[in-house]
Amino acid sequence: RTKNSNQIHMILKPRTIMKPENYFAMIFFSLIFSLSLQVVNSYSQPSITWQRLYDTPIHQGDYSWDICNSTQNSFFVLGRMASRSYLLRINAYGDTIWKRIDTLYSRSIVSTGDGGCVIPGGSGDTTFTMKIDSNGSLVWRKFYSFSDGSFWDIKKVSDGGYLTCGFSGPFMSQVLKVDSVGNLQWRREFSYSGGTISLLNVVEAYNGGYIIVGEVYGPGI
């Protein structure tokens, strides 16, 4: 926000999904594209090398929220099926290796570095993080004593733990730090007078702290 002005300046950060040697994939809702990056000159545009359309058992309310690496040439895709989470593991061509349905809601996912992934989430009075291995099995799930957890982003940080940010109820947002097995290390809530604050993305800073971006909205803002 500029001084003496209601104008808010925002930087919109496009999310790079994956970058193997010569292609990348992007996901929108339940459709995945693989785009060739074989650039001939500065005016060359990526071309679609494959695409996949995925469906869930109930055939409605399907979204894809996030994607991350699993093992070499395979990826986790996290989506939504109505009020449930829908997790796919796909190979480099988009073929489904396995799929998993979870009754609790999640929006973000991060690679663990050992072929698995960690997913934060929540529903109603439940907030949690969980680890899934490369075979789709639950390794651990930790529940926390506060509610209304809805997390937009999660990152693995230098101490081996995870940092996640998102909503924490009406008008407020939160940041959670957990260790490598999901034990809560600290939690902080953020609010903004006269509006709603939404924390959308987090990154670890060079000095050991964290930088978090988001938006503030409400009447008169």
Protein backbone atom coordinates (compact mmCIF):
# COMPACT_ATOMS: atom_id res chain seq x y z
CA ARG A 1 0.00 0.00 0.00
CA THR A 2 1.39 3.40 -0.92
CA LYS A 3 1.46 6.20 1.64
CA ASN A 4 -1.72 8.34 1.73
CA SER A 5 -3.32 6.08 -0.85
CA ASN A 6 -5.69 3.13 -0.96
CA GLN A 7 -3.82 1.62 -3.88
CA ILE A 8 -2.30 -1.77 -3.16
CA HIS A 9 0.62 -2.99 -5.25
CA MET A 10 0.84 -6.76 -5.62
CA ILE A 11 3.34 -9.04 -7.31
CA LEU A 12 1.68 -12.08 -8.80
CA LYS A 13 4.09 -15.00 -8.75
CA PRO A 14 3.44 -17.71 -11.34
CA ARG A 15 4.03 -21.17 -9.99
CA THR A 16 6.52 -23.39 -11.83
CA ILE A 17 5.33 -26.91 -11.44
CA MET A 18 8.29 -29.00 -12.58
CA LYS A 19 11.34 -28.65 -14.79
CA PRO A 20 12.98 -31.82 -16.06
CA GLU A 21 15.59 -31.48 -18.78
CA ASN A 22 13.43 -30.55 -21.74
CA TYR A 23 9.85 -30.09 -20.68
CA PHE A 24 7.62 -28.92 -17.88
CA ALA A 25 4.05 -29.66 -16.84
CA MET A 26 1.33 -27.35 -15.62
CA ILE A 27 -1.94 -28.34 -14.02
CA PHE A 28 -5.25 -26.50 -14.08
CA PHE A 29 -8.19 -28.11 -12.32
CA SER A 30 -8.07 -31.73 -13.52
CA LEU A 31 -6.22 -31.24 -16.81
CA ILE A 32 -2.44 -31.69 -17.09
CA PHE A 33 -0.35 -30.44 -20.00
CA SER A 34 3.25 -31.33 -20.76
CA LEU A 35 4.95 -28.53 -22.71
CA SER A 36 8.14 -28.98 -24.71
CA LEU A 37 10.88 -26.42 -23.98
CA GLN A 38 13.02 -27.17 -27.00
CA VAL A 39 13.62 -23.52 -27.88
CA VAL A 40 14.82 -22.75 -31.39
CA ASN A 41 14.94 -18.97 -30.97
CA SER A 42 13.69 -16.27 -28.62
CA TYR A 43 10.27 -16.29 -30.32
CA SER A 44 9.67 -20.02 -29.97
CA GLN A 45 6.66 -21.08 -27.91
CA PRO A 46 6.34 -24.30 -25.88
CA SER A 47 4.28 -27.00 -27.56
CA ILE A 48 2.05 -29.61 -25.92
CA THR A 49 3.67 -33.06 -25.95
CA TRP A 50 0.91 -34.79 -23.94
CA GLN A 51 -2.15 -34.00 -21.87
CA ARG A 52 -4.31 -35.97 -19.48
CA LEU A 53 -7.80 -35.40 -18.12
CA TYR A 54 -8.50 -37.08 -14.77
CA ASP A 55 -11.85 -37.81 -13.20
CA THR A 56 -12.89 -38.81 -9.69
CA PRO A 57 -15.46 -41.44 -8.70
CA ILE A 58 -18.21 -38.88 -8.04
CA HIS A 59 -17.60 -36.98 -11.32
CA GLN A 60 -18.23 -33.52 -9.87
CA GLY A 61 -16.54 -30.85 -7.77
CA ASP A 62 -13.10 -31.89 -9.05
CA TYR A 63 -10.10 -29.55 -8.77
CA SER A 64 -6.33 -29.91 -8.85
CA TRP A 65 -4.51 -27.65 -6.38
CA ASP A 66 -0.82 -28.51 -6.37
CA ILE A 67 1.93 -30.77 -7.71
CA CYS A 68 5.40 -31.84 -6.56
CA ASN A 69 8.13 -34.34 -7.35
CA SER A 70 8.07 -37.90 -6.05
CA THR A 71 10.83 -40.22 -7.24
CA GLN A 72 12.69 -39.62 -10.49
CA ASN A 73 10.25 -39.02 -13.36
CA SER A 74 7.15 -39.31 -11.19
CA PHE A 75 5.00 -36.72 -9.45
CA PHE A 76 2.30 -36.23 -6.83
CA VAL A 77 -0.83 -34.33 -7.88
CA LEU A 78 -3.10 -33.09 -5.09
CA GLY A 79 -6.69 -32.25 -5.88
CA ARG A 80 -10.19 -32.04 -4.51
CA MET A 81 -13.17 -34.35 -4.84
CA ALA A 82 -16.15 -32.51 -3.31
CA SER A 83 -15.01 -31.93 0.30
CA ARG A 84 -12.31 -34.62 0.19
CA SER A 85 -8.69 -34.68 -0.97
CA TYR A 86 -7.70 -36.67 -4.04
CA LEU A 87 -4.02 -37.62 -4.42
CA LEU A 88 -2.52 -39.07 -7.59
CA ARG A 89 0.96 -40.32 -8.33
CA ILE A 90 1.71 -40.08 -12.05
CA ASN A 91 4.69 -40.91 -14.23
CA ALA A 92 6.48 -38.55 -16.62
CA TYR A 93 3.81 -39.17 -19.28
CA GLY A 94 0.85 -38.46 -17.00
CA ASP A 95 -0.16 -42.10 -16.53
CA THR A 96 -1.70 -42.84 -13.13
CA ILE A 97 0.45 -45.07 -10.91
CA TRP A 98 -1.97 -44.99 -7.98
CA LYS A 99 -4.63 -42.77 -6.43
CA ARG A 100 -5.68 -42.13 -2.86
CA ILE A 101 -8.79 -40.48 -1.38
CA ASP A 102 -8.64 -38.78 2.02
CA THR A 103 -11.69 -37.63 3.95
CA LEU A 104 -9.93 -34.44 5.16
CA TYR A 105 -9.40 -31.40 2.96
CA SER A 106 -5.99 -30.23 1.68
CA ARG A 107 -4.72 -27.66 -0.84
CA SER A 108 -0.90 -27.85 -0.79
CA ILE A 109 1.82 -30.48 -1.00
CA VAL A 110 5.63 -30.66 -0.82
CA SER A 111 8.24 -33.32 -1.62
CA THR A 112 10.05 -34.87 1.33
CA GLY A 113 13.19 -35.79 -0.62
CA ASP A 114 12.81 -39.54 -0.04
CA GLY A 115 10.07 -40.17 -2.62
CA GLY A 116 7.23 -39.19 -0.34
CA CYS A 117 5.28 -35.99 0.33
CA VAL A 118 3.92 -33.97 3.25
CA ILE A 119 0.41 -32.50 3.08
CA PRO A 120 -1.16 -30.02 5.54
CA GLY A 121 -4.89 -29.54 5.83
CA GLY A 122 -7.99 -29.48 7.92
CA SER A 123 -11.74 -29.56 8.03
CA GLY A 124 -13.98 -27.88 10.59
CA ASP A 125 -12.41 -28.44 14.01
CA THR A 126 -9.50 -30.51 12.66
CA THR A 127 -6.03 -29.36 11.61
CA PHE A 128 -3.23 -31.74 10.64
CA THR A 129 -0.13 -32.55 8.63
CA MET A 130 0.55 -35.99 7.17
CA LYS A 131 3.27 -37.83 5.26
CA ILE A 132 2.52 -40.18 2.36
CA ASP A 133 5.23 -42.47 0.93
CA SER A 134 5.86 -43.26 -2.75
CA ASN A 135 3.47 -46.24 -2.56
CA GLY A 136 0.56 -44.13 -1.30
CA SER A 137 0.74 -45.42 2.28
CA LEU A 138 0.28 -43.15 5.28
CA VAL A 139 3.59 -42.82 7.17
CA TRP A 140 2.33 -40.46 9.88
CA ARG A 141 -0.43 -37.94 10.55
CA LYS A 142 -0.31 -35.37 13.35
CA PHE A 143 -3.40 -33.53 14.60
CA TYR A 144 -3.25 -30.18 16.38
CA SER A 145 -5.35 -28.59 19.11
CA PHE A 146 -6.66 -25.69 17.02
CA SER A 147 -9.28 -25.64 14.26
CA ASP A 148 -10.07 -24.06 10.90
CA GLY A 149 -6.86 -25.07 9.16
CA SER A 150 -6.79 -24.38 5.44
CA PHE A 151 -3.28 -24.09 4.04
CA TRP A 152 -2.31 -22.57 0.69
CA ASP A 153 1.39 -23.37 0.70
CA ILE A 154 3.98 -25.59 2.38
CA LYS A 155 7.76 -25.65 2.05
CA LYS A 156 10.47 -27.97 3.33
CA VAL A 157 13.05 -25.83 5.17
CA SER A 158 16.74 -26.18 5.93
CA ASP A 159 16.37 -27.82 9.36
CA GLY A 160 14.41 -30.71 7.81
CA GLY A 161 11.04 -29.47 9.02
CA TYR A 162 8.14 -27.86 7.19
CA LEU A 163 6.57 -24.41 7.14
CA THR A 164 2.99 -23.89 6.00
CA CYS A 165 0.68 -20.89 5.78
CA GLY A 166 -3.04 -20.34 5.26
CA PHE A 167 -6.31 -19.45 6.96
CA SER A 168 -7.09 -19.81 10.67
CA GLY A 169 -10.73 -18.76 10.81
CA PRO A 170 -12.71 -15.62 9.93
CA PHE A 171 -10.50 -12.67 8.93
CA MET A 172 -7.25 -14.29 10.12
CA SER A 173 -4.34 -16.33 8.77
CA GLN A 174 -1.69 -18.52 10.35
CA VAL A 175 1.81 -19.87 9.90
CA LEU A 176 2.78 -23.29 11.28
CA LYS A 177 6.25 -24.73 11.76
CA VAL A 178 6.54 -28.49 12.30
CA ASP A 179 9.54 -30.80 12.54
CA SER A 180 10.41 -33.63 10.16
CA VAL A 181 7.77 -35.94 11.64
CA GLY A 182 5.00 -33.36 12.03
CA ASN A 183 5.44 -32.32 15.66
CA LEU A 184 4.30 -28.72 16.11
CA GLN A 185 7.22 -26.39 16.95
CA TRP A 186 5.40 -23.05 16.80
CA ARG A 187 2.34 -21.31 15.41
CA ARG A 188 1.59 -17.64 14.77
CA GLU A 189 -1.65 -15.94 13.73
CA PHE A 190 -1.93 -12.71 11.74
CA SER A 191 -4.78 -10.23 11.47
CA TYR A 192 -5.39 -6.86 9.79
CA SER A 193 -7.57 -4.16 11.29
CA GLY A 194 -10.69 -3.63 9.20
CA GLY A 195 -10.06 -6.43 6.74
CA THR A 196 -9.24 -10.07 6.09
CA ILE A 197 -5.65 -11.20 5.66
CA SER A 198 -4.88 -14.21 3.47
CA LEU A 199 -1.37 -15.72 3.46
CA LEU A 200 -0.73 -17.53 0.18
CA ASN A 201 2.96 -18.38 -0.21
CA VAL A 202 6.03 -18.76 1.97
CA VAL A 203 9.77 -19.08 1.33
CA GLU A 204 12.79 -19.47 3.58
CA ALA A 205 15.03 -16.40 3.71
CA TYR A 206 18.82 -16.48 3.51
CA ASN A 207 19.16 -15.27 7.11
CA GLY A 208 17.19 -18.19 8.50
CA GLY A 209 13.85 -16.39 8.72
CA TYR A 210 10.87 -16.65 6.41
CA ILE A 211 9.15 -14.37 3.91
CA ILE A 212 5.40 -14.72 3.46
CA VAL A 213 3.23 -13.09 0.81
CA GLY A 214 -0.53 -12.72 0.61
CA GLU A 215 -3.38 -10.28 0.29
CA VAL A 216 -5.59 -8.08 2.43
CA TYR A 217 -9.19 -7.35 1.45
CA GLY A 218 -12.33 -5.90 2.95
CA PRO A 219 -14.59 -2.83 2.93
CA GLY A 220 -12.68 0.34 2.08
CA ILE A 221 -9.42 -1.47 1.35
